[in-house]
Amino acid sequence: MSNDKPNMDVLVVDIGGSSVKLWHTNHEEHLRFDSGKTLTPDQMVKQAKELAAGWNYECIALGIPTRVSSGKPVEDPHNLGPGWVGYNFASAFGVPVRVLNDAALQALGSYDGGRMVFIGLGTGVGSALVADHLLLSIDMGRLLLGDERACEVLSDQAYFEMGEKRWRKHVQKFIPMVRSALMADYVVLGGGNVKELEELPDATRRGHNRAVVEGGRRLWEELPDPADKENHCGWVIL
């Protein structure tokens, strides 16, 4: 990916089902606070602004665990509180904000060319496809593994309920299936549970949490505004 815009001070807000992580394009460390089923956007903004008060930033890249269309959440995340649809993040933060699905933001930062699938193994199962200026949010967690959906057998809860051995078997079955179905060159595995895997399937590598910082930088410096349907500069964001 080329970088034809000046370096920007971007605050990256990565919202997950169990925590919200704050990253910055010019700081190595990250900050965090708890999320959960009662977290509203007002609460998230308030805590994020207080926690990041010592950082200077001119814009925000926000990853949210729900479906996003034209840069806006179109449904409330099932693992957070209400109020996310129609929320004015730019007004609340006081700086410009670009919003992507959280898995798509991680995928954008993990992309090394070719046709890549990102799978996030955490509270739920996030997924996205990146290929030749296409950034596509997908929901591979709805695929069936036996009689259950992938999101039900690959989640945090499933890991603790079924145990490490069975959970790993499901992962080893699921990843090659996804790669084959989407004809991907490689798969990047992110999320907190990747550390529980000793071996990875072929053409699969581990992602890292800081990839979301690169995703935020690219979103602001290399990609168009997802809300601007008239100017995609060669990129399509779906």
C-alpha atoms as a PDB file:
ATOM      1  CA  MET A   1       0.000   0.000   0.000  1.00  0.00           C
ATOM      2  CA  SER A   2       1.309   3.419  -0.870  1.00  0.00           C
ATOM      3  CA  ASN A   3       1.173   6.340   1.502  1.00  0.00           C
ATOM      4  CA  ASP A   4       0.458   9.576  -0.314  1.00  0.00           C
ATOM      5  CA  LYS A   5      -0.805  11.581   2.667  1.00  0.00           C
ATOM      6  CA  PRO A   6       1.229  13.102   5.509  1.00  0.00           C
ATOM      7  CA  ASN A   7       1.661  11.187   8.749  1.00  0.00           C
ATOM      8  CA  MET A   8      -1.272  11.788  11.059  1.00  0.00           C
ATOM      9  CA  ASP A   9      -1.714  11.493  14.807  1.00  0.00           C
ATOM     10  CA  VAL A  10      -4.474   8.886  14.902  1.00  0.00           C
ATOM     11  CA  LEU A  11      -6.156   7.575  18.026  1.00  0.00           C
ATOM     12  CA  VAL A  12      -7.349   4.022  17.393  1.00  0.00           C
ATOM     13  CA  VAL A  13     -10.286   2.876  19.507  1.00  0.00           C
ATOM     14  CA  ASP A  14     -10.705  -0.901  19.299  1.00  0.00           C
ATOM     15  CA  ILE A  15     -13.990  -1.905  20.928  1.00  0.00           C
ATOM     16  CA  GLY A  16     -14.335  -5.535  21.962  1.00  0.00           C
ATOM     17  CA  GLY A  17     -16.844  -7.552  23.913  1.00  0.00           C
ATOM     18  CA  SER A  18     -14.728  -7.611  27.066  1.00  0.00           C
ATOM     19  CA  SER A  19     -12.532  -4.498  26.767  1.00  0.00           C
ATOM     20  CA  VAL A  20     -11.903  -1.301  24.831  1.00  0.00           C
ATOM     21  CA  LYS A  21      -8.278  -0.804  23.803  1.00  0.00           C
ATOM     22  CA  LEU A  22      -6.839   2.596  22.926  1.00  0.00           C
ATOM     23  CA  TRP A  23      -3.831   2.835  20.631  1.00  0.00           C
ATOM     24  CA  HIS A  24      -1.974   5.735  19.037  1.00  0.00           C
ATOM     25  CA  THR A  25       0.079   5.871  15.858  1.00  0.00           C
ATOM     26  CA  ASN A  26       2.922   7.612  17.723  1.00  0.00           C
ATOM     27  CA  HIS A  27       2.916   5.683  21.006  1.00  0.00           C
ATOM     28  CA  GLU A  28       4.061   2.111  21.648  1.00  0.00           C
ATOM     29  CA  GLU A  29       1.947   1.449  24.716  1.00  0.00           C
ATOM     30  CA  HIS A  30      -1.792   1.011  24.727  1.00  0.00           C
ATOM     31  CA  LEU A  31      -4.521   1.777  27.247  1.00  0.00           C
ATOM     32  CA  ARG A  32      -7.660  -0.172  28.051  1.00  0.00           C
ATOM     33  CA  PHE A  33     -10.840  -0.303  30.061  1.00  0.00           C
ATOM     34  CA  ASP A  34     -13.595  -2.872  30.498  1.00  0.00           C
ATOM     35  CA  SER A  35     -16.562  -3.047  28.132  1.00  0.00           C
ATOM     36  CA  GLY A  36     -19.449  -5.514  28.357  1.00  0.00           C
ATOM     37  CA  LYS A  37     -23.187  -5.786  27.816  1.00  0.00           C
ATOM     38  CA  THR A  38     -24.010  -2.498  29.556  1.00  0.00           C
ATOM     39  CA  LEU A  39     -21.479  -0.278  27.748  1.00  0.00           C
ATOM     40  CA  THR A  40     -23.174   2.558  25.842  1.00  0.00           C
ATOM     41  CA  PRO A  41     -21.455   4.850  23.320  1.00  0.00           C
ATOM     42  CA  ASP A  42     -21.695   7.787  25.735  1.00  0.00           C
ATOM     43  CA  GLN A  43     -19.888   5.775  28.406  1.00  0.00           C
ATOM     44  CA  MET A  44     -17.292   4.579  25.901  1.00  0.00           C
ATOM     45  CA  VAL A  45     -16.536   8.097  24.677  1.00  0.00           C
ATOM     46  CA  LYS A  46     -16.309   9.496  28.203  1.00  0.00           C
ATOM     47  CA  GLN A  47     -13.868   6.814  29.383  1.00  0.00           C
ATOM     48  CA  ALA A  48     -11.808   6.924  26.177  1.00  0.00           C
ATOM     49  CA  LYS A  49     -11.399  10.717  26.331  1.00  0.00           C
ATOM     50  CA  GLU A  50     -10.409  10.600  29.994  1.00  0.00           C
ATOM     51  CA  LEU A  51      -7.929   7.762  29.509  1.00  0.00           C
ATOM     52  CA  ALA A  52      -6.316   9.259  26.385  1.00  0.00           C
ATOM     53  CA  ALA A  53      -6.201  12.813  27.757  1.00  0.00           C
ATOM     54  CA  GLY A  54      -2.389  12.778  27.704  1.00  0.00           C
ATOM     55  CA  TRP A  55      -2.220  11.954  23.987  1.00  0.00           C
ATOM     56  CA  ASN A  56      -2.519  14.441  21.168  1.00  0.00           C
ATOM     57  CA  TYR A  57      -4.593  13.198  18.231  1.00  0.00           C
ATOM     58  CA  GLU A  58      -6.253  14.867  15.270  1.00  0.00           C
ATOM     59  CA  CYS A  59      -8.629  12.080  14.284  1.00  0.00           C
ATOM     60  CA  ILE A  60      -9.949   8.694  15.398  1.00  0.00           C
ATOM     61  CA  ALA A  61     -10.233   5.274  13.761  1.00  0.00           C
ATOM     62  CA  LEU A  62     -12.920   3.348  15.585  1.00  0.00           C
ATOM     63  CA  GLY A  63     -13.423  -0.409  15.302  1.00  0.00           C
ATOM     64  CA  ILE A  64     -16.762  -1.722  16.500  1.00  0.00           C
ATOM     65  CA  PRO A  65     -17.946  -5.374  16.714  1.00  0.00           C
ATOM     66  CA  THR A  66     -21.024  -5.045  14.543  1.00  0.00           C
ATOM     67  CA  ARG A  67     -22.084  -4.537  10.941  1.00  0.00           C
ATOM     68  CA  VAL A  68     -20.980  -1.171   9.534  1.00  0.00           C
ATOM     69  CA  SER A  69     -22.242   0.347   6.280  1.00  0.00           C
ATOM     70  CA  SER A  70     -20.948   3.587   4.742  1.00  0.00           C
ATOM     71  CA  GLY A  71     -18.960   4.281   7.891  1.00  0.00           C
ATOM     72  CA  LYS A  72     -21.900   3.897  10.296  1.00  0.00           C
ATOM     73  CA  PRO A  73     -23.043   1.052  12.564  1.00  0.00           C
ATOM     74  CA  VAL A  74     -26.336  -0.334  11.286  1.00  0.00           C
ATOM     75  CA  GLU A  75     -27.133  -2.459  14.337  1.00  0.00           C
ATOM     76  CA  ASP A  76     -26.180  -2.463  18.003  1.00  0.00           C
ATOM     77  CA  PRO A  77     -23.393  -4.923  18.914  1.00  0.00           C
ATOM     78  CA  HIS A  78     -24.942  -7.946  20.632  1.00  0.00           C
ATOM     79  CA  ASN A  79     -22.256  -7.935  23.344  1.00  0.00           C
ATOM     80  CA  LEU A  80     -22.504  -4.220  24.232  1.00  0.00           C
ATOM     81  CA  GLY A  81     -25.199  -1.854  25.499  1.00  0.00           C
ATOM     82  CA  PRO A  82     -27.703   0.023  23.284  1.00  0.00           C
ATOM     83  CA  GLY A  83     -27.463   3.307  21.388  1.00  0.00           C
ATOM     84  CA  TRP A  84     -24.748   2.725  18.781  1.00  0.00           C
ATOM     85  CA  VAL A  85     -26.917   3.111  15.670  1.00  0.00           C
ATOM     86  CA  GLY A  86     -27.118   6.756  14.640  1.00  0.00           C
ATOM     87  CA  TYR A  87     -24.617   7.884  17.274  1.00  0.00           C
ATOM     88  CA  ASN A  88     -22.525  10.925  16.262  1.00  0.00           C
ATOM     89  CA  PHE A  89     -19.019   9.841  17.255  1.00  0.00           C
ATOM     90  CA  ALA A  90     -17.322  12.884  15.694  1.00  0.00           C
ATOM     91  CA  SER A  91     -19.464  15.280  17.683  1.00  0.00           C
ATOM     92  CA  ALA A  92     -18.950  13.330  20.908  1.00  0.00           C
ATOM     93  CA  PHE A  93     -15.172  13.092  20.538  1.00  0.00           C
ATOM     94  CA  GLY A  94     -14.733  16.558  19.071  1.00  0.00           C
ATOM     95  CA  VAL A  95     -12.520  15.303  16.208  1.00  0.00           C
ATOM     96  CA  PRO A  96     -13.196  13.534  12.896  1.00  0.00           C
ATOM     97  CA  VAL A  97     -13.969   9.821  13.313  1.00  0.00           C
ATOM     98  CA  ARG A  98     -13.963   7.004  10.766  1.00  0.00           C
ATOM     99  CA  VAL A  99     -15.734   3.786  11.721  1.00  0.00           C
ATOM    100  CA  LEU A 100     -15.103   0.226  10.540  1.00  0.00           C
ATOM    101  CA  ASN A 101     -16.103  -3.183  11.751  1.00  0.00           C
ATOM    102  CA  ASP A 102     -13.443  -4.203  14.271  1.00  0.00           C
ATOM    103  CA  ALA A 103     -12.334  -7.290  12.314  1.00  0.00           C
ATOM    104  CA  ALA A 104     -12.092  -5.214   9.131  1.00  0.00           C
ATOM    105  CA  LEU A 105      -9.845  -2.700  10.915  1.00  0.00           C
ATOM    106  CA  GLN A 106      -7.558  -5.516  12.121  1.00  0.00           C
ATOM    107  CA  ALA A 107      -7.574  -7.038   8.644  1.00  0.00           C
ATOM    108  CA  LEU A 108      -6.600  -3.746   7.023  1.00  0.00           C
ATOM    109  CA  GLY A 109      -3.601  -3.480   9.350  1.00  0.00           C
ATOM    110  CA  SER A 110      -2.576  -7.111   8.807  1.00  0.00           C
ATOM    111  CA  TYR A 111      -2.717  -7.058   5.019  1.00  0.00           C
ATOM    112  CA  ASP A 112       0.474  -7.902   3.096  1.00  0.00           C
ATOM    113  CA  GLY A 113      -0.924  -8.149  -0.424  1.00  0.00           C
ATOM    114  CA  GLY A 114      -2.694 -10.844  -2.386  1.00  0.00           C
ATOM    115  CA  ARG A 115      -5.987 -12.274  -1.177  1.00  0.00           C
ATOM    116  CA  MET A 116      -6.146 -12.414   2.628  1.00  0.00           C
ATOM    117  CA  VAL A 117      -8.764 -13.582   5.106  1.00  0.00           C
ATOM    118  CA  PHE A 118      -8.629 -12.338   8.679  1.00  0.00           C
ATOM    119  CA  ILE A 119     -10.256 -14.375  11.452  1.00  0.00           C
ATOM    120  CA  GLY A 120     -10.485 -12.945  14.970  1.00  0.00           C
ATOM    121  CA  LEU A 121     -10.815 -15.473  17.789  1.00  0.00           C
ATOM    122  CA  GLY A 122     -11.997 -13.684  20.894  1.00  0.00           C
ATOM    123  CA  THR A 123     -15.308 -13.020  22.623  1.00  0.00           C
ATOM    124  CA  GLY A 124     -16.881 -13.909  19.281  1.00  0.00           C
ATOM    125  CA  VAL A 125     -15.566 -14.724  15.812  1.00  0.00           C
ATOM    126  CA  GLY A 126     -14.806 -11.735  13.588  1.00  0.00           C
ATOM    127  CA  SER A 127     -13.783 -11.970   9.941  1.00  0.00           C
ATOM    128  CA  ALA A 128     -12.922  -9.875   6.917  1.00  0.00           C
ATOM    129  CA  LEU A 129     -11.463 -10.261   3.424  1.00  0.00           C
ATOM    130  CA  VAL A 130      -8.892  -7.945   1.821  1.00  0.00           C
ATOM    131  CA  ALA A 131      -7.973  -8.348  -1.838  1.00  0.00           C
ATOM    132  CA  ASP A 132      -6.654  -5.847  -4.390  1.00  0.00           C
ATOM    133  CA  HIS A 133      -8.237  -2.655  -3.015  1.00  0.00           C
ATOM    134  CA  LEU A 134     -11.303  -4.442  -1.673  1.00  0.00           C
ATOM    135  CA  LEU A 135     -12.029  -4.412   2.069  1.00  0.00           C
ATOM    136  CA  LEU A 136     -15.011  -6.662   2.727  1.00  0.00           C
ATOM    137  CA  SER A 137     -16.579  -7.342   6.119  1.00  0.00           C
ATOM    138  CA  ILE A 138     -17.882 -10.900   6.300  1.00  0.00           C
ATOM    139  CA  ASP A 139     -19.442 -13.080   8.992  1.00  0.00           C
ATOM    140  CA  MET A 140     -17.837 -16.505   8.736  1.00  0.00           C
ATOM    141  CA  GLY A 141     -18.899 -17.190  12.302  1.00  0.00           C
ATOM    142  CA  ARG A 142     -22.337 -18.096  10.949  1.00  0.00           C
ATOM    143  CA  LEU A 143     -20.950 -21.113   9.100  1.00  0.00           C
ATOM    144  CA  LEU A 144     -21.860 -24.491  10.537  1.00  0.00           C
ATOM    145  CA  LEU A 145     -19.301 -26.779  12.129  1.00  0.00           C
ATOM    146  CA  GLY A 146     -21.299 -29.941  12.613  1.00  0.00           C
ATOM    147  CA  ASP A 147     -24.621 -28.929  14.165  1.00  0.00           C
ATOM    148  CA  GLU A 148     -23.419 -25.634  15.635  1.00  0.00           C
ATOM    149  CA  ARG A 149     -22.311 -22.317  14.213  1.00  0.00           C
ATOM    150  CA  ALA A 150     -18.618 -21.475  14.227  1.00  0.00           C
ATOM    151  CA  CYS A 151     -19.254 -18.502  16.512  1.00  0.00           C
ATOM    152  CA  GLU A 152     -20.676 -20.931  19.078  1.00  0.00           C
ATOM    153  CA  VAL A 153     -17.752 -23.370  19.099  1.00  0.00           C
ATOM    154  CA  LEU A 154     -14.820 -20.989  18.594  1.00  0.00           C
ATOM    155  CA  SER A 155     -15.699 -18.278  21.120  1.00  0.00           C
ATOM    156  CA  ASP A 156     -14.212 -17.544  24.537  1.00  0.00           C
ATOM    157  CA  GLN A 157     -17.111 -19.271  26.208  1.00  0.00           C
ATOM    158  CA  ALA A 158     -16.743 -22.368  24.041  1.00  0.00           C
ATOM    159  CA  TYR A 159     -13.033 -22.580  24.853  1.00  0.00           C
ATOM    160  CA  PHE A 160     -13.730 -22.702  28.577  1.00  0.00           C
ATOM    161  CA  GLU A 161     -16.744 -25.013  28.278  1.00  0.00           C
ATOM    162  CA  MET A 162     -15.381 -27.652  25.913  1.00  0.00           C
ATOM    163  CA  GLY A 163     -11.705 -27.471  26.815  1.00  0.00           C
ATOM    164  CA  GLU A 164      -8.534 -26.696  24.920  1.00  0.00           C
ATOM    165  CA  LYS A 165      -8.260 -29.952  22.956  1.00  0.00           C
ATOM    166  CA  ARG A 166     -11.727 -29.917  21.413  1.00  0.00           C
ATOM    167  CA  TRP A 167     -11.560 -26.172  20.766  1.00  0.00           C
ATOM    168  CA  ARG A 168      -8.280 -26.537  18.891  1.00  0.00           C
ATOM    169  CA  LYS A 169      -9.761 -29.305  16.708  1.00  0.00           C
ATOM    170  CA  HIS A 170     -12.597 -27.010  15.688  1.00  0.00           C
ATOM    171  CA  VAL A 171     -10.120 -24.258  14.774  1.00  0.00           C
ATOM    172  CA  GLN A 172      -8.000 -26.664  12.725  1.00  0.00           C
ATOM    173  CA  LYS A 173     -11.111 -27.692  10.782  1.00  0.00           C
ATOM    174  CA  PHE A 174     -12.579 -24.233  10.371  1.00  0.00           C
ATOM    175  CA  ILE A 175      -9.584 -22.248   9.068  1.00  0.00           C
ATOM    176  CA  PRO A 176      -8.780 -24.421   5.998  1.00  0.00           C
ATOM    177  CA  MET A 177     -12.497 -24.505   5.151  1.00  0.00           C
ATOM    178  CA  VAL A 178     -12.702 -20.702   5.161  1.00  0.00           C
ATOM    179  CA  ARG A 179      -9.485 -20.296   3.197  1.00  0.00           C
ATOM    180  CA  SER A 180     -10.703 -22.738   0.554  1.00  0.00           C
ATOM    181  CA  ALA A 181     -14.201 -21.236   0.313  1.00  0.00           C
ATOM    182  CA  LEU A 182     -12.858 -17.704  -0.193  1.00  0.00           C
ATOM    183  CA  MET A 183      -9.903 -18.826  -2.342  1.00  0.00           C
ATOM    184  CA  ALA A 184      -7.537 -16.894  -0.106  1.00  0.00           C
ATOM    185  CA  ASP A 185      -3.755 -16.919  -0.452  1.00  0.00           C
ATOM    186  CA  TYR A 186      -3.333 -16.832   3.309  1.00  0.00           C
ATOM    187  CA  VAL A 187      -5.167 -16.447   6.602  1.00  0.00           C
ATOM    188  CA  VAL A 188      -4.259 -14.171   9.502  1.00  0.00           C
ATOM    189  CA  LEU A 189      -5.529 -15.218  12.929  1.00  0.00           C
ATOM    190  CA  GLY A 190      -6.078 -12.460  15.473  1.00  0.00           C
ATOM    191  CA  GLY A 191      -7.860 -12.128  18.777  1.00  0.00           C
ATOM    192  CA  GLY A 192      -6.923 -13.068  22.302  1.00  0.00           C
ATOM    193  CA  ASN A 193      -7.324 -16.818  21.881  1.00  0.00           C
ATOM    194  CA  VAL A 194      -4.708 -17.205  19.135  1.00  0.00           C
ATOM    195  CA  LYS A 195      -2.141 -17.713  21.894  1.00  0.00           C
ATOM    196  CA  GLU A 196      -3.914 -20.982  22.768  1.00  0.00           C
ATOM    197  CA  LEU A 197      -2.920 -22.534  19.417  1.00  0.00           C
ATOM    198  CA  GLU A 198       0.385 -24.409  19.338  1.00  0.00           C
ATOM    199  CA  GLU A 199       0.192 -25.258  15.627  1.00  0.00           C
ATOM    200  CA  LEU A 200      -1.424 -23.345  12.793  1.00  0.00           C
ATOM    201  CA  PRO A 201      -2.963 -24.667   9.573  1.00  0.00           C
ATOM    202  CA  ASP A 202      -1.060 -24.252   6.297  1.00  0.00           C
ATOM    203  CA  ALA A 203      -0.816 -20.719   4.883  1.00  0.00           C
ATOM    204  CA  THR A 204      -1.866 -19.259   8.231  1.00  0.00           C
ATOM    205  CA  ARG A 205       0.003 -16.830  10.455  1.00  0.00           C
ATOM    206  CA  ARG A 206      -0.652 -15.184  13.776  1.00  0.00           C
ATOM    207  CA  GLY A 207      -1.745 -11.592  13.818  1.00  0.00           C
ATOM    208  CA  HIS A 208      -0.936  -9.184  16.604  1.00  0.00           C
ATOM    209  CA  ASN A 209      -3.038  -6.671  18.482  1.00  0.00           C
ATOM    210  CA  ARG A 210      -0.973  -3.728  17.288  1.00  0.00           C
ATOM    211  CA  ALA A 211      -2.038  -4.452  13.699  1.00  0.00           C
ATOM    212  CA  VAL A 212      -5.112  -2.383  14.493  1.00  0.00           C
ATOM    213  CA  VAL A 213      -2.821   0.671  14.745  1.00  0.00           C
ATOM    214  CA  GLU A 214      -1.612   0.126  11.200  1.00  0.00           C
ATOM    215  CA  GLY A 215      -5.229  -0.385  10.190  1.00  0.00           C
ATOM    216  CA  GLY A 216      -6.158   2.960  11.717  1.00  0.00           C
ATOM    217  CA  ARG A 217      -3.248   4.691  10.033  1.00  0.00           C
ATOM    218  CA  ARG A 218      -4.134   3.218   6.650  1.00  0.00           C
ATOM    219  CA  LEU A 219      -7.788   4.085   7.094  1.00  0.00           C
ATOM    220  CA  TRP A 220      -6.888   7.764   7.489  1.00  0.00           C
ATOM    221  CA  GLU A 221      -3.767   8.104   5.331  1.00  0.00           C
ATOM    222  CA  GLU A 222      -4.394   5.732   2.416  1.00  0.00           C
ATOM    223  CA  LEU A 223      -8.109   5.008   2.138  1.00  0.00           C
ATOM    224  CA  PRO A 224     -11.071   7.276   1.420  1.00  0.00           C
ATOM    225  CA  ASP A 225     -13.697   8.103   4.003  1.00  0.00           C
ATOM    226  CA  PRO A 226     -15.965   5.010   4.199  1.00  0.00           C
ATOM    227  CA  ALA A 227     -18.956   7.379   4.358  1.00  0.00           C
ATOM    228  CA  ASP A 228     -18.042   8.961   0.996  1.00  0.00           C
ATOM    229  CA  LYS A 229     -19.507   6.757  -1.724  1.00  0.00           C
ATOM    230  CA  GLU A 230     -18.434   9.126  -4.504  1.00  0.00           C
ATOM    231  CA  ASN A 231     -14.660   9.020  -3.879  1.00  0.00           C
ATOM    232  CA  HIS A 232     -13.064   5.674  -3.196  1.00  0.00           C
ATOM    233  CA  CYS A 233      -9.639   6.364  -4.777  1.00  0.00           C
ATOM    234  CA  GLY A 234      -9.559   2.859  -6.228  1.00  0.00           C
ATOM    235  CA  TRP A 235     -10.651   1.247  -2.942  1.00  0.00           C
ATOM    236  CA  VAL A 236     -14.008  -0.391  -2.274  1.00  0.00           C
ATOM    237  CA  ILE A 237     -15.067  -0.713   1.379  1.00  0.00           C
ATOM    238  CA  LEU A 238     -18.024  -2.993   2.003  1.00  0.00           C
END
